[in-house]
Structures are given as structure tokens and as C-alpha cells.
N, C-alpha and C. Protein backbone atom coordinates (compact mmCIF):
# COMPACT_ATOMS: atom_id res chain seq x y z
N MET A 1 -3.63 -7.45 10.73
CA MET A 1 -4.67 -6.88 9.85
C MET A 1 -6.05 -7.91 9.94
N THR A 2 -7.08 -7.38 9.52
CA THR A 2 -8.18 -8.15 9.51
C THR A 2 -8.86 -8.23 8.10
N ILE A 3 -9.40 -9.30 7.66
CA ILE A 3 -10.00 -9.48 6.42
C ILE A 3 -11.46 -9.98 6.77
N ASP A 4 -12.38 -9.27 6.33
CA ASP A 4 -13.83 -9.44 6.69
C ASP A 4 -14.07 -9.68 8.13
N GLU A 5 -13.39 -8.95 8.87
CA GLU A 5 -13.51 -8.90 10.33
C GLU A 5 -12.81 -10.20 10.98
N GLU A 6 -11.97 -10.87 10.35
CA GLU A 6 -11.19 -11.99 10.86
C GLU A 6 -9.77 -11.55 11.00
N LYS A 7 -9.17 -11.75 12.18
CA LYS A 7 -7.71 -11.50 12.34
C LYS A 7 -6.83 -12.42 11.49
N VAL A 8 -5.90 -11.74 10.86
CA VAL A 8 -5.00 -12.55 9.88
C VAL A 8 -3.67 -12.02 10.09
N ASP A 9 -2.77 -13.01 10.17
CA ASP A 9 -1.25 -12.65 10.26
C ASP A 9 -0.85 -12.09 8.93
N TYR A 10 -0.26 -10.92 8.80
CA TYR A 10 0.12 -10.25 7.51
C TYR A 10 1.12 -11.16 6.75
N CYS A 11 1.86 -11.95 7.46
CA CYS A 11 3.07 -12.70 6.80
C CYS A 11 2.45 -14.04 6.13
N THR A 12 1.10 -14.28 6.22
CA THR A 12 0.78 -15.46 5.70
C THR A 12 -0.19 -15.30 4.44
N THR A 13 -0.45 -16.38 3.63
CA THR A 13 -1.33 -16.12 2.57
C THR A 13 -2.69 -16.40 2.95
N TYR A 14 -3.46 -15.61 2.55
CA TYR A 14 -5.06 -15.74 3.06
C TYR A 14 -5.80 -16.39 1.87
N THR A 15 -6.57 -17.34 2.20
CA THR A 15 -7.47 -17.85 1.24
C THR A 15 -8.92 -17.53 1.56
N PHE A 16 -9.62 -16.95 0.64
CA PHE A 16 -10.93 -16.47 0.89
C PHE A 16 -11.88 -17.58 1.00
N LYS A 17 -12.76 -17.48 1.92
CA LYS A 17 -13.79 -18.49 2.31
C LYS A 17 -15.02 -18.20 1.33
N LYS A 18 -15.12 -17.13 0.74
CA LYS A 18 -16.29 -16.92 -0.06
C LYS A 18 -15.92 -15.82 -1.14
N ALA A 19 -16.57 -15.98 -2.22
CA ALA A 19 -16.29 -15.07 -3.35
C ALA A 19 -17.01 -13.74 -3.10
N GLY A 20 -16.68 -12.66 -3.74
CA GLY A 20 -17.42 -11.34 -3.68
C GLY A 20 -16.56 -10.29 -3.04
N ASN A 21 -17.28 -9.40 -2.36
CA ASN A 21 -16.53 -8.17 -1.86
C ASN A 21 -15.88 -8.52 -0.51
N HIS A 22 -14.69 -7.86 -0.33
CA HIS A 22 -13.93 -8.16 0.90
C HIS A 22 -13.40 -6.82 1.36
N THR A 23 -13.26 -6.60 2.63
CA THR A 23 -12.85 -5.44 3.23
C THR A 23 -11.64 -5.74 4.18
N VAL A 24 -10.47 -5.07 3.84
CA VAL A 24 -9.30 -5.32 4.71
C VAL A 24 -9.12 -4.08 5.74
N ARG A 25 -8.78 -4.46 6.94
CA ARG A 25 -8.48 -3.35 7.89
C ARG A 25 -7.13 -3.59 8.41
N VAL A 26 -6.23 -2.65 7.95
CA VAL A 26 -4.80 -2.77 8.34
C VAL A 26 -4.54 -1.97 9.68
N LEU A 27 -4.21 -2.84 10.68
CA LEU A 27 -4.04 -2.25 12.04
C LEU A 27 -2.61 -2.42 12.52
N MET A 28 -1.67 -3.02 11.65
CA MET A 28 -0.32 -3.30 12.15
C MET A 28 0.52 -2.00 12.22
N ASP A 29 1.63 -2.21 13.08
CA ASP A 29 2.61 -1.30 13.22
C ASP A 29 3.72 -1.51 12.18
N LEU A 30 3.98 -0.51 11.38
CA LEU A 30 5.06 -0.73 10.30
C LEU A 30 6.24 0.04 10.62
N SER A 31 6.53 0.44 11.79
CA SER A 31 7.73 1.13 12.08
C SER A 31 9.05 0.47 11.87
N SER A 32 8.97 -0.78 11.89
CA SER A 32 10.20 -1.58 11.65
C SER A 32 10.49 -1.94 10.11
N LEU A 33 9.55 -1.70 9.34
CA LEU A 33 9.66 -1.95 7.79
C LEU A 33 10.15 -0.78 7.05
N SER A 34 10.78 -1.25 5.84
CA SER A 34 11.17 -0.09 5.02
C SER A 34 10.60 -0.31 3.56
N SER A 35 9.88 -1.50 3.30
CA SER A 35 9.36 -1.85 2.04
C SER A 35 7.93 -2.42 2.25
N LEU A 36 7.09 -1.89 1.36
CA LEU A 36 5.76 -2.41 1.11
C LEU A 36 5.50 -2.94 -0.21
N ASN A 37 6.56 -3.28 -1.00
CA ASN A 37 6.40 -3.66 -2.25
C ASN A 37 5.41 -4.87 -2.44
N ASN A 38 4.49 -4.78 -3.34
CA ASN A 38 3.51 -5.93 -3.74
C ASN A 38 2.74 -6.20 -2.41
N MET A 39 2.55 -5.47 -1.55
CA MET A 39 1.86 -5.70 -0.36
C MET A 39 0.33 -6.21 -0.71
N PHE A 40 -0.33 -5.51 -1.57
CA PHE A 40 -1.62 -5.86 -1.93
C PHE A 40 -1.77 -6.36 -3.37
N SER A 41 -0.61 -6.56 -4.01
CA SER A 41 -0.68 -6.95 -5.40
C SER A 41 -1.59 -8.17 -5.68
N LYS A 42 -2.44 -8.02 -6.66
CA LYS A 42 -3.35 -9.07 -7.14
C LYS A 42 -4.44 -9.45 -6.00
N ALA A 43 -4.67 -8.55 -5.17
CA ALA A 43 -5.67 -8.75 -4.04
C ALA A 43 -7.00 -8.62 -4.68
N GLU A 44 -7.91 -9.42 -4.10
CA GLU A 44 -9.34 -9.40 -4.60
C GLU A 44 -10.24 -8.45 -3.65
N PHE A 45 -9.66 -7.58 -3.01
CA PHE A 45 -10.29 -6.66 -2.06
C PHE A 45 -10.96 -5.69 -2.85
N THR A 46 -12.16 -5.17 -2.28
CA THR A 46 -12.87 -4.01 -2.81
C THR A 46 -12.56 -2.70 -1.99
N SER A 47 -12.12 -2.98 -0.77
CA SER A 47 -11.88 -1.74 0.16
C SER A 47 -10.80 -2.06 1.03
N ILE A 48 -9.89 -1.18 1.28
CA ILE A 48 -8.89 -1.13 2.33
C ILE A 48 -8.99 -0.02 3.29
N ILE A 49 -9.03 -0.30 4.51
CA ILE A 49 -9.20 0.77 5.52
C ILE A 49 -7.83 0.74 6.40
N PHE A 50 -7.20 1.81 6.38
CA PHE A 50 -5.96 1.94 7.20
C PHE A 50 -6.20 2.61 8.48
N SER A 51 -5.68 2.09 9.61
CA SER A 51 -5.84 2.64 10.87
C SER A 51 -4.77 3.71 11.09
N GLU A 52 -4.86 4.38 12.19
CA GLU A 52 -3.75 5.34 12.61
C GLU A 52 -2.43 4.73 12.78
N LYS A 53 -2.49 3.49 12.97
CA LYS A 53 -1.12 2.83 13.15
C LYS A 53 -0.39 2.66 11.84
N PHE A 54 -1.15 2.83 10.68
CA PHE A 54 -0.43 2.60 9.39
C PHE A 54 0.22 3.81 8.99
N ASN A 55 1.51 3.91 9.72
CA ASN A 55 2.33 5.02 9.52
C ASN A 55 3.45 4.66 8.52
N THR A 56 3.49 5.33 7.32
CA THR A 56 4.44 5.04 6.37
C THR A 56 5.79 5.89 6.44
N GLU A 57 6.03 6.51 7.57
CA GLU A 57 7.11 7.40 7.73
C GLU A 57 8.48 6.70 7.49
N THR A 58 8.65 5.43 7.89
CA THR A 58 9.85 4.60 7.53
C THR A 58 9.96 3.90 6.30
N ILE A 59 8.81 4.01 5.52
CA ILE A 59 8.78 3.21 4.23
C ILE A 59 9.48 3.82 3.20
N VAL A 60 10.39 3.13 2.51
CA VAL A 60 11.07 3.79 1.36
C VAL A 60 10.63 3.30 0.04
N TYR A 61 10.17 2.02 -0.06
CA TYR A 61 9.62 1.40 -1.24
C TYR A 61 8.20 0.98 -1.13
N MET A 62 7.45 1.39 -2.26
CA MET A 62 6.04 0.99 -2.32
C MET A 62 5.71 0.47 -3.72
N ASN A 63 6.76 -0.05 -4.41
CA ASN A 63 6.49 -0.46 -5.69
C ASN A 63 5.36 -1.46 -5.81
N SER A 64 4.59 -1.27 -6.84
CA SER A 64 3.46 -2.18 -7.20
C SER A 64 2.57 -2.48 -5.95
N MET A 65 2.50 -1.73 -5.02
CA MET A 65 1.73 -1.99 -3.85
C MET A 65 0.27 -2.30 -4.08
N PHE A 66 -0.36 -1.81 -5.05
CA PHE A 66 -1.68 -2.10 -5.43
C PHE A 66 -1.78 -2.60 -6.89
N ARG A 67 -0.74 -3.22 -7.44
CA ARG A 67 -0.74 -3.72 -8.75
C ARG A 67 -1.83 -4.81 -8.92
N TYR A 68 -2.48 -4.70 -10.06
CA TYR A 68 -3.47 -5.64 -10.46
C TYR A 68 -4.66 -5.63 -9.42
N CYS A 69 -4.93 -4.76 -8.70
CA CYS A 69 -6.09 -4.80 -7.72
C CYS A 69 -7.24 -4.23 -8.53
N LYS A 70 -7.79 -5.10 -9.27
CA LYS A 70 -8.81 -4.70 -10.18
C LYS A 70 -10.19 -4.28 -9.54
N LYS A 71 -10.41 -4.92 -8.37
CA LYS A 71 -11.73 -4.81 -7.73
C LYS A 71 -11.64 -3.73 -6.70
N LEU A 72 -10.45 -3.12 -6.36
CA LEU A 72 -10.28 -2.08 -5.33
C LEU A 72 -11.09 -0.87 -5.83
N THR A 73 -11.95 -0.38 -4.96
CA THR A 73 -12.60 0.91 -5.35
C THR A 73 -12.57 1.90 -4.25
N SER A 74 -12.03 1.47 -3.00
CA SER A 74 -11.85 2.63 -2.06
C SER A 74 -10.71 2.23 -1.08
N ILE A 75 -9.90 3.32 -0.70
CA ILE A 75 -8.87 3.14 0.20
C ILE A 75 -9.11 4.24 1.35
């Protein structure tokens, strides 16, 4: 995935270099996953853009995926 056009490993914690609006582009293949629980919970993103690779066909759980995303205005 990319955050503010910087490639980021989705398994790591990301520390923002600056305050303000952030855009996330999700480009990863999810075909081997079954859960996205808390994936974006408490994120400070204002926008999330999903690519065509963001296929949720195998996903069973999405509990609290966007929980406490108070700044999120578009998906």
C-alpha cells in the first residue's frame, strides 16, 4: 500500500512525517486473507483509494475496519 505516495509494508506501523491530510492507496492482493479486522482502526487518513486488486471475495471478517476513523471523508 502507499501512504502519501510512499510505499509502505502493510504489516508495519506507519508514523506520519507530517500532520494533516493523508491519502492511502491500497494496492495489495488480499486473496490469502480471511480477516481485515481493525485494518484502518484509529487511522488519521482523510481518503482511502482501493485498487482493482482490493478483492474482498475471501474476506470473512471486517469488524471495526474503519473504527474511530474520525477524519476519513472518502473511500
